[in-house]
């Protein structure tokens, strides 16, 4: 499986993990839950297989 470099703390992103690969999508730091849900909806339209895991990392305001 591909491993990505560690991103700085506070980055807002969605990481989708499949059996043999992963995809990571950076979002703006002020992304709302509505925007995250919309992005996940777009990702699911384009996925052929089901992901093993989906991680959402929200920006920390103190970083």
PDB file of N, CA and C in Angstrom:
ATOM      1  N   UNK A   1       0.846  -1.181   0.000  1.00  0.00           N
ATOM      2  CA  UNK A   1       0.000   0.000   0.000  1.00  0.00           C
ATOM      3  C   UNK A   1       0.884   1.233   0.000  1.00  0.00           C
ATOM      4  N   UNK A   2       0.458   2.242  -0.703  1.00  0.00           N
ATOM      5  CA  UNK A   2       1.179   3.502  -0.785  1.00  0.00           C
ATOM      6  C   UNK A   2       1.121   4.236   0.546  1.00  0.00           C
ATOM      7  N   UNK A   3       2.257   4.801   0.949  1.00  0.00           N
ATOM      8  CA  UNK A   3       2.284   5.590   2.166  1.00  0.00           C
ATOM      9  C   UNK A   3       2.593   7.028   1.812  1.00  0.00           C
ATOM     10  N   UNK A   4       1.878   7.942   2.405  1.00  0.00           N
ATOM     11  CA  UNK A   4       2.079   9.364   2.148  1.00  0.00           C
ATOM     12  C   UNK A   4       2.926   9.975   3.244  1.00  0.00           C
ATOM     13  N   UNK A   5       3.556  11.086   2.915  1.00  0.00           N
ATOM     14  CA  UNK A   5       4.316  11.828   3.910  1.00  0.00           C
ATOM     15  C   UNK A   5       3.363  12.371   4.967  1.00  0.00           C
ATOM     16  N   UNK A   6       3.847  12.529   6.169  1.00  0.00           N
ATOM     17  CA  UNK A   6       3.025  13.064   7.248  1.00  0.00           C
ATOM     18  C   UNK A   6       2.757  14.533   6.967  1.00  0.00           C
ATOM     19  N   UNK A   7       1.511  14.916   6.986  1.00  0.00           N
ATOM     20  CA  UNK A   7       1.150  16.306   6.753  1.00  0.00           C
ATOM     21  C   UNK A   7       1.188  17.067   8.061  1.00  0.00           C
ATOM     22  N   UNK A   8       1.365  18.363   7.955  1.00  0.00           N
ATOM     23  CA  UNK A   8       1.451  19.178   9.162  1.00  0.00           C
ATOM     24  C   UNK A   8       0.138  19.117   9.930  1.00  0.00           C
ATOM     25  N   UNK A   9       0.223  19.253  11.235  1.00  0.00           N
ATOM     26  CA  UNK A   9      -0.975  19.250  12.062  1.00  0.00           C
ATOM     27  C   UNK A   9      -1.886  20.399  11.645  1.00  0.00           C
ATOM     28  N   UNK A  10      -3.144  20.171  11.712  1.00  0.00           N
ATOM     29  CA  UNK A  10      -4.093  21.217  11.412  1.00  0.00           C
ATOM     30  C   UNK A  10      -4.628  21.178   9.995  1.00  0.00           C
ATOM     31  N   UNK A  11      -4.094  20.308   9.127  1.00  0.00           N
ATOM     32  CA  UNK A  11      -4.591  20.230   7.761  1.00  0.00           C
ATOM     33  C   UNK A  11      -5.987  19.603   7.751  1.00  0.00           C
ATOM     34  N   UNK A  12      -6.871  20.133   6.927  1.00  0.00           N
ATOM     35  CA  UNK A  12      -8.211  19.569   6.777  1.00  0.00           C
ATOM     36  C   UNK A  12      -8.211  18.710   5.524  1.00  0.00           C
ATOM     37  N   UNK A  13      -8.556  17.429   5.670  1.00  0.00           N
ATOM     38  CA  UNK A  13      -8.527  16.541   4.517  1.00  0.00           C
ATOM     39  C   UNK A  13      -9.456  15.358   4.708  1.00  0.00           C
ATOM     40  N   UNK A  14      -9.742  14.698   3.602  1.00  0.00           N
ATOM     41  CA  UNK A  14     -10.489  13.448   3.593  1.00  0.00           C
ATOM     42  C   UNK A  14      -9.555  12.403   3.001  1.00  0.00           C
ATOM     43  N   UNK A  15      -9.389  11.303   3.703  1.00  0.00           N
ATOM     44  CA  UNK A  15      -8.552  10.205   3.219  1.00  0.00           C
ATOM     45  C   UNK A  15      -9.435   8.979   3.040  1.00  0.00           C
ATOM     46  N   UNK A  16      -9.435   8.414   1.840  1.00  0.00           N
ATOM     47  CA  UNK A  16     -10.233   7.235   1.524  1.00  0.00           C
ATOM     48  C   UNK A  16      -9.265   6.076   1.291  1.00  0.00           C
ATOM     49  N   UNK A  17      -9.426   4.988   2.066  1.00  0.00           N
ATOM     50  CA  UNK A  17      -8.512   3.852   2.000  1.00  0.00           C
ATOM     51  C   UNK A  17      -9.236   2.661   1.376  1.00  0.00           C
ATOM     52  N   UNK A  18      -8.616   2.098   0.334  1.00  0.00           N
ATOM     53  CA  UNK A  18      -9.120   0.898  -0.330  1.00  0.00           C
ATOM     54  C   UNK A  18      -8.170  -0.259  -0.003  1.00  0.00           C
ATOM     55  N   UNK A  19      -8.477  -1.460  -0.472  1.00  0.00           N
ATOM     56  CA  UNK A  19      -7.627  -2.625  -0.189  1.00  0.00           C
ATOM     57  C   UNK A  19      -6.214  -2.431  -0.729  1.00  0.00           C
ATOM     58  N   UNK A  20      -6.066  -1.836  -1.908  1.00  0.00           N
ATOM     59  CA  UNK A  20      -4.754  -1.755  -2.545  1.00  0.00           C
ATOM     60  C   UNK A  20      -4.251  -0.334  -2.795  1.00  0.00           C
ATOM     61  N   UNK A  21      -4.987   0.683  -2.352  1.00  0.00           N
ATOM     62  CA  UNK A  21      -4.563   2.061  -2.590  1.00  0.00           C
ATOM     63  C   UNK A  21      -5.303   2.996  -1.648  1.00  0.00           C
ATOM     64  N   UNK A  22      -4.902   4.254  -1.683  1.00  0.00           N
ATOM     65  CA  UNK A  22      -5.602   5.270  -0.905  1.00  0.00           C
ATOM     66  C   UNK A  22      -5.601   6.572  -1.693  1.00  0.00           C
ATOM     67  N   UNK A  23      -6.564   7.408  -1.373  1.00  0.00           N
ATOM     68  CA  UNK A  23      -6.675   8.721  -2.000  1.00  0.00           C
ATOM     69  C   UNK A  23      -6.882   9.749  -0.901  1.00  0.00           C
ATOM     70  N   UNK A  24      -6.275  10.915  -1.071  1.00  0.00           N
ATOM     71  CA  UNK A  24      -6.375  11.962  -0.072  1.00  0.00           C
ATOM     72  C   UNK A  24      -6.810  13.257  -0.761  1.00  0.00           C
ATOM     73  N   UNK A  25      -7.772  13.937  -0.175  1.00  0.00           N
ATOM     74  CA  UNK A  25      -8.315  15.171  -0.728  1.00  0.00           C
ATOM     75  C   UNK A  25      -8.173  16.274   0.302  1.00  0.00           C
ATOM     76  N   UNK A  26      -7.418  17.310  -0.034  1.00  0.00           N
ATOM     77  CA  UNK A  26      -7.256  18.451   0.874  1.00  0.00           C
ATOM     78  C   UNK A  26      -8.460  19.379   0.716  1.00  0.00           C
ATOM     79  N   UNK A  27      -8.901  19.924   1.829  1.00  0.00           N
ATOM     80  CA  UNK A  27     -10.019  20.860   1.832  1.00  0.00           C
ATOM     81  C   UNK A  27      -9.557  22.183   2.415  1.00  0.00           C
ATOM     82  N   UNK A  28     -10.319  23.227   2.186  1.00  0.00           N
ATOM     83  CA  UNK A  28      -9.977  24.514   2.787  1.00  0.00           C
ATOM     84  C   UNK A  28     -10.114  24.405   4.306  1.00  0.00           C
ATOM     85  N   UNK A  29      -9.361  25.212   5.007  1.00  0.00           N
ATOM     86  CA  UNK A  29      -9.341  25.152   6.457  1.00  0.00           C
ATOM     87  C   UNK A  29     -10.665  25.492   7.109  1.00  0.00           C
ATOM     88  N   UNK A  30     -11.525  26.210   6.387  1.00  0.00           N
ATOM     89  CA  UNK A  30     -12.814  26.597   6.960  1.00  0.00           C
ATOM     90  C   UNK A  30     -13.963  25.750   6.402  1.00  0.00           C
ATOM     91  N   UNK A  31     -13.649  24.538   5.953  1.00  0.00           N
ATOM     92  CA  UNK A  31     -14.674  23.648   5.399  1.00  0.00           C
ATOM     93  C   UNK A  31     -15.715  23.316   6.464  1.00  0.00           C
ATOM     94  N   UNK A  32     -16.967  23.331   6.062  1.00  0.00           N
ATOM     95  CA  UNK A  32     -18.064  22.993   6.970  1.00  0.00           C
ATOM     96  C   UNK A  32     -18.400  21.513   6.848  1.00  0.00           C
ATOM     97  N   UNK A  33     -19.192  20.996   7.781  1.00  0.00           N
ATOM     98  CA  UNK A  33     -19.632  19.608   7.681  1.00  0.00           C
ATOM     99  C   UNK A  33     -20.459  19.393   6.414  1.00  0.00           C
ATOM    100  N   UNK A  34     -21.203  20.395   5.996  1.00  0.00           N
ATOM    101  CA  UNK A  34     -21.974  20.290   4.757  1.00  0.00           C
ATOM    102  C   UNK A  34     -21.046  20.123   3.555  1.00  0.00           C
ATOM    103  N   UNK A  35     -19.954  20.878   3.529  1.00  0.00           N
ATOM    104  CA  UNK A  35     -18.989  20.765   2.437  1.00  0.00           C
ATOM    105  C   UNK A  35     -18.304  19.396   2.453  1.00  0.00           C
ATOM    106  N   UNK A  36     -17.978  18.897   3.640  1.00  0.00           N
ATOM    107  CA  UNK A  36     -17.355  17.578   3.758  1.00  0.00           C
ATOM    108  C   UNK A  36     -18.314  16.496   3.269  1.00  0.00           C
ATOM    109  N   UNK A  37     -19.586  16.582   3.652  1.00  0.00           N
ATOM    110  CA  UNK A  37     -20.590  15.604   3.211  1.00  0.00           C
ATOM    111  C   UNK A  37     -20.762  15.648   1.701  1.00  0.00           C
ATOM    112  N   UNK A  38     -20.773  16.842   1.135  1.00  0.00           N
ATOM    113  CA  UNK A  38     -20.895  16.999  -0.317  1.00  0.00           C
ATOM    114  C   UNK A  38     -19.697  16.379  -1.033  1.00  0.00           C
ATOM    115  N   UNK A  39     -18.502  16.604  -0.501  1.00  0.00           N
ATOM    116  CA  UNK A  39     -17.285  16.033  -1.090  1.00  0.00           C
ATOM    117  C   UNK A  39     -17.308  14.516  -1.015  1.00  0.00           C
ATOM    118  N   UNK A  40     -17.749  13.966   0.123  1.00  0.00           N
ATOM    119  CA  UNK A  40     -17.865  12.514   0.251  1.00  0.00           C
ATOM    120  C   UNK A  40     -18.877  11.953  -0.749  1.00  0.00           C
ATOM    121  N   UNK A  41     -19.962  12.689  -0.987  1.00  0.00           N
ATOM    122  CA  UNK A  41     -20.953  12.271  -1.977  1.00  0.00           C
ATOM    123  C   UNK A  41     -20.370  12.214  -3.374  1.00  0.00           C
ATOM    124  N   UNK A  42     -19.554  13.205  -3.725  1.00  0.00           N
ATOM    125  CA  UNK A  42     -18.907  13.223  -5.044  1.00  0.00           C
ATOM    126  C   UNK A  42     -17.905  12.083  -5.169  1.00  0.00           C
ATOM    127  N   UNK A  43     -17.167  11.816  -4.099  1.00  0.00           N
ATOM    128  CA  UNK A  43     -16.203  10.715  -4.115  1.00  0.00           C
ATOM    129  C   UNK A  43     -16.925   9.393  -4.326  1.00  0.00           C
ATOM    130  N   UNK A  44     -18.052   9.196  -3.636  1.00  0.00           N
ATOM    131  CA  UNK A  44     -18.775   7.919  -3.738  1.00  0.00           C
ATOM    132  C   UNK A  44     -19.350   7.711  -5.132  1.00  0.00           C
ATOM    133  N   UNK A  45     -19.685   8.783  -5.843  1.00  0.00           N
ATOM    134  CA  UNK A  45     -20.189   8.645  -7.214  1.00  0.00           C
ATOM    135  C   UNK A  45     -19.112   8.111  -8.152  1.00  0.00           C
ATOM    136  N   UNK A  46     -17.845   8.429  -7.856  1.00  0.00           N
ATOM    137  CA  UNK A  46     -16.744   8.060  -8.741  1.00  0.00           C
ATOM    138  C   UNK A  46     -16.026   6.781  -8.328  1.00  0.00           C
ATOM    139  N   UNK A  47     -16.380   6.192  -7.194  1.00  0.00           N
ATOM    140  CA  UNK A  47     -15.710   4.976  -6.706  1.00  0.00           C
ATOM    141  C   UNK A  47     -16.390   3.743  -7.275  1.00  0.00           C
ATOM    142  N   UNK A  48     -15.575   2.815  -7.754  1.00  0.00           N
ATOM    143  CA  UNK A  48     -16.101   1.553  -8.258  1.00  0.00           C
ATOM    144  C   UNK A  48     -16.231   0.552  -7.121  1.00  0.00           C
ATOM    145  N   UNK A  49     -15.225   0.537  -6.232  1.00  0.00           N
ATOM    146  CA  UNK A  49     -15.247  -0.389  -5.100  1.00  0.00           C
ATOM    147  C   UNK A  49     -15.510   0.365  -3.805  1.00  0.00           C
ATOM    148  N   UNK A  50     -15.931  -0.362  -2.798  1.00  0.00           N
ATOM    149  CA  UNK A  50     -16.195   0.251  -1.493  1.00  0.00           C
ATOM    150  C   UNK A  50     -14.889   0.446  -0.745  1.00  0.00           C
ATOM    151  N   UNK A  51     -14.737   1.585  -0.088  1.00  0.00           N
ATOM    152  CA  UNK A  51     -13.512   1.795   0.693  1.00  0.00           C
ATOM    153  C   UNK A  51     -13.508   0.950   1.964  1.00  0.00           C
ATOM    154  N   UNK A  52     -12.304   0.663   2.446  1.00  0.00           N
ATOM    155  CA  UNK A  52     -12.120  -0.047   3.702  1.00  0.00           C
ATOM    156  C   UNK A  52     -12.323   0.921   4.861  1.00  0.00           C
ATOM    157  N   UNK A  53     -11.864   2.174   4.675  1.00  0.00           N
ATOM    158  CA  UNK A  53     -11.983   3.187   5.723  1.00  0.00           C
ATOM    159  C   UNK A  53     -12.022   4.571   5.087  1.00  0.00           C
ATOM    160  N   UNK A  54     -12.652   5.493   5.784  1.00  0.00           N
ATOM    161  CA  UNK A  54     -12.676   6.902   5.396  1.00  0.00           C
ATOM    162  C   UNK A  54     -12.314   7.709   6.636  1.00  0.00           C
ATOM    163  N   UNK A  55     -11.273   8.525   6.515  1.00  0.00           N
ATOM    164  CA  UNK A  55     -10.831   9.372   7.620  1.00  0.00           C
ATOM    165  C   UNK A  55     -11.042  10.827   7.241  1.00  0.00           C
ATOM    166  N   UNK A  56     -11.620  11.582   8.148  1.00  0.00           N
ATOM    167  CA  UNK A  56     -11.793  13.034   7.959  1.00  0.00           C
ATOM    168  C   UNK A  56     -11.004  13.717   9.057  1.00  0.00           C
ATOM    169  N   UNK A  57     -10.049  14.533   8.666  1.00  0.00           N
ATOM    170  CA  UNK A  57      -9.235  15.287   9.625  1.00  0.00           C
ATOM    171  C   UNK A  57      -9.611  16.749   9.499  1.00  0.00           C
ATOM    172  N   UNK A  58     -10.058  17.333  10.591  1.00  0.00           N
ATOM    173  CA  UNK A  58     -10.473  18.739  10.587  1.00  0.00           C
ATOM    174  C   UNK A  58      -9.355  19.616  11.092  1.00  0.00           C
ATOM    175  N   UNK A  59      -9.255  20.786  10.507  1.00  0.00           N
ATOM    176  CA  UNK A  59      -8.226  21.744  10.903  1.00  0.00           C
ATOM    177  C   UNK A  59      -8.423  22.171  12.346  1.00  0.00           C
ATOM    178  N   UNK A  60      -7.332  22.276  13.037  1.00  0.00           N
ATOM    179  CA  UNK A  60      -7.361  22.793  14.404  1.00  0.00           C
ATOM    180  C   UNK A  60      -7.098  24.285  14.337  1.00  0.00           C
ATOM    181  N   UNK A  61      -7.907  25.062  15.022  1.00  0.00           N
ATOM    182  CA  UNK A  61      -7.766  26.510  14.965  1.00  0.00           C
ATOM    183  C   UNK A  61      -6.546  27.016  15.714  1.00  0.00           C
ATOM    184  N   UNK A  62      -5.985  26.218  16.615  1.00  0.00           N
ATOM    185  CA  UNK A  62      -4.833  26.668  17.373  1.00  0.00           C
ATOM    186  C   UNK A  62      -3.501  26.351  16.710  1.00  0.00           C
ATOM    187  N   UNK A  63      -3.524  25.845  15.471  1.00  0.00           N
ATOM    188  CA  UNK A  63      -2.283  25.507  14.750  1.00  0.00           C
ATOM    189  C   UNK A  63      -1.897  26.639  13.813  1.00  0.00           C
TER     190      UNK A  63
END
